[in-house]
Amino acid sequence: MTNIIDCHPSATGPDLNALKVKQQAAWSSGDYAVIGTTLQIVGEQLAESMDLRAGDKVLDVAAGNGNVTLAAARRWCEVTCTDYVEALLGRARARATAEGLEVRFEVADAENLPFADGAFDAVVSTFGGMFSPNQDRTAAQMVRVTRPGGKIGLANWTPEGFIGQLFKTIGKHLPPPQGVKSPAVWGTRSFLDASFGDSASAIATTPRHFVFRYRSAEHFLDVFRTFYGPVLKAFEALEGRDQKALSHDILELVGRLNVSGDRSMVVPSEYLEVIITKR
């Protein structure tokens, strides 16, 4: 989540390598799997929208705890699950083992995928690749390892949705590094056209909503502060009074978007489902 991790730019622009080190530390803290597990429905929806077939060779990029990995493996695909946080791959491996699913796991950086050109029928990423510091390189790597005629499937938070607004709320308290694009640009058609258009025969986008369901707004904030590494790090970077101000603004955002009608939290968050067909 580039907009909540400080990384001072050099004279020629932001130091993306330094930013990646900070990001990797952030995603390694907490326990993203606690949040990631709740997003499983997004992986299932993406697998259906892509019409994944038994025997397809599928690469999950920045897979976290493996939501799309599991969805593809349930459809008898040959899945390779990757992330640059080994502990998260461990959680994905445990899930696959519990379901008796065959999956290959490999530690890999989305910006430097260690696979041959055109090695996969499908490349997928849900709320993963969008957080890479060098966004253009990540997009290019996804294209490179997809075979001609193959598909790239993405689920990306939009700038206008709940998570996009959460990014902006945090950014008011911890300004993003100068020159670094928000992860939420992956949820815009302009970015997709610029990054994938030259290599695509088709780019299909569908706005969808994932609904965050928690016991209360306070419960949501507690879970994200405890387990969602980037938010955990954001609070760690602030002093007591500033932490309270950030908590207040997040709770206000949730309260404004909550449609539950009771004490619980029910907040729809828009994301863009993307299916790119490579030329």
Protein backbone atom coordinates (compact mmCIF):
# COMPACT_ATOMS: atom_id res chain seq x y z
CA MET A 1 0.00 0.00 0.00
CA THR A 2 2.31 2.66 -1.23
CA ASN A 3 0.49 5.64 0.13
CA ILE A 4 1.00 4.77 3.79
CA ILE A 5 4.69 3.91 3.82
CA ASP A 6 7.19 6.74 3.82
CA CYS A 7 10.00 6.61 1.30
CA HIS A 8 11.77 9.84 0.41
CA PRO A 9 12.32 10.44 -3.31
CA SER A 10 15.76 10.90 -4.80
CA ALA A 11 16.67 13.69 -7.19
CA THR A 12 15.53 11.48 -10.06
CA GLY A 13 12.32 10.24 -8.43
CA PRO A 14 11.24 7.87 -5.67
CA ASP A 15 13.58 5.09 -4.64
CA LEU A 16 11.38 2.16 -5.63
CA ASN A 17 13.78 -0.46 -4.27
CA ALA A 18 13.79 1.18 -0.84
CA LEU A 19 10.02 1.43 -1.01
CA LYS A 20 9.76 -2.27 -1.83
CA VAL A 21 11.84 -3.16 1.23
CA LYS A 22 9.51 -1.11 3.43
CA GLN A 23 6.44 -2.63 1.81
CA GLN A 24 7.71 -6.16 2.21
CA ALA A 25 8.31 -5.49 5.91
CA ALA A 26 4.79 -4.09 6.20
CA TRP A 27 3.12 -7.06 4.51
CA SER A 28 5.24 -9.41 6.64
CA SER A 29 3.92 -7.83 9.85
CA GLY A 30 0.53 -8.53 11.31
CA ASP A 31 -1.22 -11.46 9.62
CA TYR A 32 -2.82 -10.56 6.30
CA ALA A 33 -4.38 -14.02 6.08
CA VAL A 34 -6.94 -12.99 8.70
CA ILE A 35 -8.26 -10.36 6.29
CA GLY A 36 -7.46 -12.25 3.10
CA THR A 37 -9.63 -15.21 4.04
CA THR A 38 -12.70 -12.97 4.12
CA LEU A 39 -12.10 -12.04 0.45
CA GLN A 40 -12.42 -15.61 -0.90
CA ILE A 41 -15.59 -14.86 -2.83
CA VAL A 42 -13.64 -12.43 -5.04
CA GLY A 43 -11.31 -15.22 -6.15
CA GLU A 44 -14.21 -17.53 -6.94
CA GLN A 45 -15.96 -14.82 -8.96
CA LEU A 46 -12.80 -14.06 -10.92
CA ALA A 47 -12.21 -17.73 -11.73
CA GLU A 48 -15.75 -18.00 -13.09
CA SER A 49 -15.53 -14.77 -15.08
CA MET A 50 -12.29 -15.96 -16.68
CA ASP A 51 -13.89 -19.32 -17.53
CA LEU A 52 -10.85 -21.19 -16.22
CA ARG A 53 -10.71 -24.74 -17.57
CA ALA A 54 -9.35 -27.95 -16.12
CA GLY A 55 -5.70 -28.31 -17.06
CA ASP A 56 -5.08 -24.58 -17.56
CA LYS A 57 -1.67 -23.45 -16.30
CA VAL A 58 -2.43 -20.60 -13.90
CA LEU A 59 -0.06 -18.22 -12.12
CA ASP A 60 -1.29 -16.33 -9.05
CA VAL A 61 0.83 -13.17 -8.59
CA ALA A 62 1.16 -11.54 -5.15
CA ALA A 63 -1.23 -14.24 -4.01
CA GLY A 64 -1.26 -13.49 -0.30
CA ASN A 65 -2.95 -16.44 1.37
CA GLY A 66 -4.09 -17.82 -1.97
CA ASN A 67 -7.71 -16.98 -2.67
CA VAL A 68 -7.54 -17.25 -6.46
CA THR A 69 -5.04 -20.08 -6.12
CA LEU A 70 -7.62 -22.16 -4.28
CA ALA A 71 -10.41 -21.16 -6.67
CA ALA A 72 -8.36 -22.24 -9.70
CA ALA A 73 -7.16 -25.46 -8.05
CA ARG A 74 -10.77 -26.38 -7.25
CA ARG A 75 -11.36 -26.18 -11.00
CA TRP A 76 -8.54 -28.67 -11.67
CA CYS A 77 -6.12 -26.08 -13.00
CA GLU A 78 -2.35 -26.48 -12.65
CA VAL A 79 -1.66 -23.59 -10.30
CA THR A 80 1.56 -21.87 -9.27
CA CYS A 81 1.05 -19.63 -6.23
CA THR A 82 3.59 -16.83 -5.66
CA ASP A 83 4.22 -14.02 -3.21
CA TYR A 84 7.32 -12.27 -1.89
CA VAL A 85 6.24 -12.92 1.72
CA GLU A 86 7.08 -16.53 2.51
CA ALA A 87 4.87 -16.64 5.61
CA LEU A 88 1.80 -15.82 3.53
CA LEU A 89 2.63 -18.64 1.14
CA GLY A 90 2.76 -20.88 4.20
CA ARG A 91 -0.80 -19.93 5.04
CA ALA A 92 -1.88 -20.59 1.44
CA ARG A 93 -0.11 -23.95 1.50
CA ALA A 94 -1.93 -24.92 4.71
CA ARG A 95 -5.28 -24.07 3.12
CA ALA A 96 -4.51 -26.11 0.01
CA THR A 97 -3.36 -29.05 2.12
CA ALA A 98 -6.53 -28.92 4.21
CA GLU A 99 -8.61 -29.23 1.04
CA GLY A 100 -6.37 -31.81 -0.61
CA LEU A 101 -5.55 -29.49 -3.52
CA GLU A 102 -2.38 -29.81 -5.59
CA VAL A 103 -0.61 -26.45 -5.89
CA ARG A 104 2.96 -25.39 -6.57
CA PHE A 105 4.24 -22.65 -4.25
CA GLU A 106 7.17 -20.36 -5.00
CA VAL A 107 8.51 -17.19 -3.40
CA ALA A 108 8.59 -14.60 -6.20
CA ASP A 109 8.54 -10.85 -6.68
CA ALA A 110 5.74 -9.55 -8.92
CA GLU A 111 8.24 -7.21 -10.57
CA ASN A 112 10.66 -10.04 -11.45
CA LEU A 113 8.68 -13.20 -12.11
CA PRO A 114 11.07 -16.17 -12.47
CA PHE A 115 9.17 -17.85 -15.31
CA ALA A 116 9.64 -18.19 -19.05
CA ASP A 117 7.86 -16.03 -21.58
CA GLY A 118 4.37 -17.34 -22.32
CA ALA A 119 4.58 -20.03 -19.64
CA PHE A 120 0.96 -19.69 -18.43
CA ASP A 121 -2.51 -19.86 -19.92
CA ALA A 122 -3.77 -17.46 -17.27
CA VAL A 123 -2.19 -15.00 -14.84
CA VAL A 124 -4.29 -13.74 -11.94
CA SER A 125 -3.96 -11.30 -9.05
CA THR A 126 -6.57 -10.13 -6.56
CA PHE A 127 -5.65 -7.00 -4.61
CA GLY A 128 -2.00 -8.02 -4.95
CA GLY A 129 -0.04 -6.80 -7.96
CA MET A 130 -1.68 -3.39 -7.62
CA PHE A 131 0.46 -2.71 -4.54
CA SER A 132 3.82 -3.17 -6.27
CA PRO A 133 6.04 -0.05 -6.20
CA ASN A 134 7.02 -0.34 -9.87
CA GLN A 135 3.54 -0.73 -11.27
CA ASP A 136 4.52 -0.57 -14.94
CA ARG A 137 7.09 -3.34 -14.50
CA THR A 138 4.59 -5.56 -12.70
CA ALA A 139 2.09 -5.14 -15.53
CA ALA A 140 4.79 -5.91 -18.10
CA GLN A 141 5.82 -9.05 -16.21
CA MET A 142 2.24 -10.31 -16.14
CA VAL A 143 1.99 -9.81 -19.88
CA ARG A 144 5.35 -11.47 -20.52
CA VAL A 145 4.56 -14.76 -18.78
CA THR A 146 1.09 -15.06 -20.35
CA ARG A 147 0.91 -17.00 -23.62
CA PRO A 148 -0.53 -15.34 -26.73
CA GLY A 149 -4.30 -15.71 -26.53
CA GLY A 150 -4.09 -16.28 -22.78
CA LYS A 151 -5.81 -14.19 -20.13
CA ILE A 152 -4.81 -11.90 -17.28
CA GLY A 153 -7.44 -11.64 -14.55
CA LEU A 154 -7.33 -8.92 -11.91
CA ALA A 155 -9.40 -7.62 -9.03
CA ASN A 156 -8.34 -4.07 -8.14
CA TRP A 157 -9.79 -1.62 -5.63
CA THR A 158 -11.08 1.56 -7.29
CA PRO A 159 -10.22 5.10 -6.14
CA GLU A 160 -13.90 5.85 -5.44
CA GLY A 161 -14.69 2.71 -3.43
CA PHE A 162 -14.39 2.18 0.32
CA ILE A 163 -10.81 0.91 0.25
CA GLY A 164 -9.81 3.64 -2.19
CA GLN A 165 -11.26 6.19 0.23
CA LEU A 166 -9.49 4.44 3.10
CA PHE A 167 -6.19 4.95 1.24
CA LYS A 168 -6.99 8.65 0.91
CA THR A 169 -7.96 8.92 4.57
CA ILE A 170 -4.66 7.41 5.67
CA GLY A 171 -2.83 9.60 3.15
CA LYS A 172 -4.13 12.72 4.93
CA HIS A 173 -2.22 11.64 8.03
CA LEU A 174 0.80 10.07 6.28
CA PRO A 175 1.28 11.73 2.88
CA PRO A 176 2.36 9.33 0.12
CA PRO A 177 5.91 9.45 -1.27
CA GLN A 178 6.22 12.09 -3.95
CA GLY A 179 6.11 10.65 -7.44
CA VAL A 180 4.59 7.29 -6.45
CA LYS A 181 1.17 6.46 -7.89
CA SER A 182 -1.60 5.22 -5.64
CA PRO A 183 -2.32 1.47 -5.85
CA ALA A 184 -5.90 2.42 -6.67
CA VAL A 185 -4.92 3.57 -10.18
CA TRP A 186 -5.10 -0.14 -11.07
CA GLY A 187 -8.83 0.25 -10.59
CA THR A 188 -9.08 2.79 -13.43
CA ARG A 189 -9.60 2.14 -17.11
CA SER A 190 -6.99 4.76 -18.05
CA PHE A 191 -4.21 2.89 -16.23
CA LEU A 192 -5.26 -0.46 -17.67
CA ASP A 193 -5.33 0.89 -21.21
CA ALA A 194 -1.93 2.54 -20.79
CA SER A 195 -0.28 -0.48 -19.15
CA PHE A 196 -1.88 -3.39 -21.02
CA GLY A 197 -3.48 -1.91 -24.13
CA ASP A 198 -0.58 -2.42 -26.53
CA SER A 199 -0.39 -6.13 -25.64
CA ALA A 200 -4.11 -6.87 -25.50
CA SER A 201 -6.67 -7.89 -28.05
CA ALA A 202 -9.39 -7.11 -25.50
CA ILE A 203 -9.72 -5.56 -22.04
CA ALA A 204 -13.03 -6.23 -20.28
CA THR A 205 -13.81 -4.43 -17.03
CA THR A 206 -16.73 -5.00 -14.67
CA PRO A 207 -17.35 -2.92 -11.54
CA ARG A 208 -18.18 -5.21 -8.62
CA HIS A 209 -18.54 -4.85 -4.88
CA PHE A 210 -17.04 -6.82 -2.05
CA VAL A 211 -18.97 -6.30 1.17
CA PHE A 212 -16.92 -5.88 4.33
CA ARG A 213 -18.86 -7.43 7.21
CA TYR A 214 -17.63 -6.94 10.77
CA ARG A 215 -19.19 -6.86 14.23
CA SER A 216 -18.90 -3.07 14.29
CA ALA A 217 -16.83 -0.23 12.90
CA GLU A 218 -14.61 -0.52 15.94
CA HIS A 219 -14.14 -4.24 15.30
CA PHE A 220 -13.07 -3.51 11.72
CA LEU A 221 -10.55 -0.93 12.89
CA ASP A 222 -9.16 -3.28 15.54
CA VAL A 223 -8.74 -6.13 13.05
CA PHE A 224 -7.02 -3.94 10.46
CA ARG A 225 -4.75 -2.29 13.06
CA THR A 226 -3.75 -5.70 14.38
CA PHE A 227 -3.48 -7.88 11.29
CA TYR A 228 -3.28 -5.72 8.14
CA GLY A 229 0.43 -4.93 8.02
CA PRO A 230 0.34 -1.59 6.18
CA VAL A 231 -2.33 -0.18 8.51
CA LEU A 232 -0.46 -1.57 11.51
CA LYS A 233 2.68 0.23 10.29
CA ALA A 234 0.75 3.43 9.66
CA PHE A 235 -0.42 3.57 13.26
CA GLU A 236 3.07 2.71 14.48
CA ALA A 237 4.42 5.71 12.56
CA LEU A 238 2.07 8.13 14.39
CA GLU A 239 2.12 9.45 17.93
CA GLY A 240 -0.78 9.02 20.35
CA ARG A 241 -2.80 12.12 19.41
CA ASP A 242 -2.27 11.51 15.70
CA GLN A 243 -3.24 7.87 16.11
CA LYS A 244 -6.52 8.98 17.68
CA ALA A 245 -7.13 11.39 14.80
CA LEU A 246 -6.57 8.64 12.24
CA SER A 247 -8.84 6.27 14.18
CA HIS A 248 -11.52 8.95 14.27
CA ASP A 249 -11.35 9.56 10.52
CA ILE A 250 -11.48 5.84 9.69
CA LEU A 251 -14.47 5.31 11.98
CA GLU A 252 -16.16 8.35 10.42
CA LEU A 253 -15.60 6.90 6.94
CA VAL A 254 -17.06 3.55 7.96
CA GLY A 255 -20.03 5.26 9.61
CA ARG A 256 -20.74 7.25 6.46
CA LEU A 257 -20.71 4.17 4.20
CA ASN A 258 -22.23 1.60 6.57
CA VAL A 259 -25.55 0.25 5.29
CA SER A 260 -26.22 -2.26 8.06
CA GLY A 261 -28.91 -0.28 9.88
CA ASP A 262 -27.73 -1.76 13.16
CA ARG A 263 -24.59 -2.00 15.30
CA SER A 264 -22.76 -4.24 12.83
CA MET A 265 -20.66 -3.07 9.87
CA VAL A 266 -21.83 -3.79 6.32
CA VAL A 267 -19.83 -1.67 3.88
CA PRO A 268 -19.79 -2.39 0.12
CA SER A 269 -16.39 -1.67 -1.42
CA GLU A 270 -16.16 -1.22 -5.16
CA TYR A 271 -13.47 -3.06 -7.08
CA LEU A 272 -12.82 -3.45 -10.78
CA GLU A 273 -12.80 -6.99 -12.14
CA VAL A 274 -10.49 -7.01 -15.17
CA ILE A 275 -10.02 -9.67 -17.85
CA ILE A 276 -7.31 -8.96 -20.40
CA THR A 277 -6.83 -11.18 -23.44
CA LYS A 278 -3.26 -11.10 -24.70
CA ARG A 279 -2.66 -10.73 -28.42
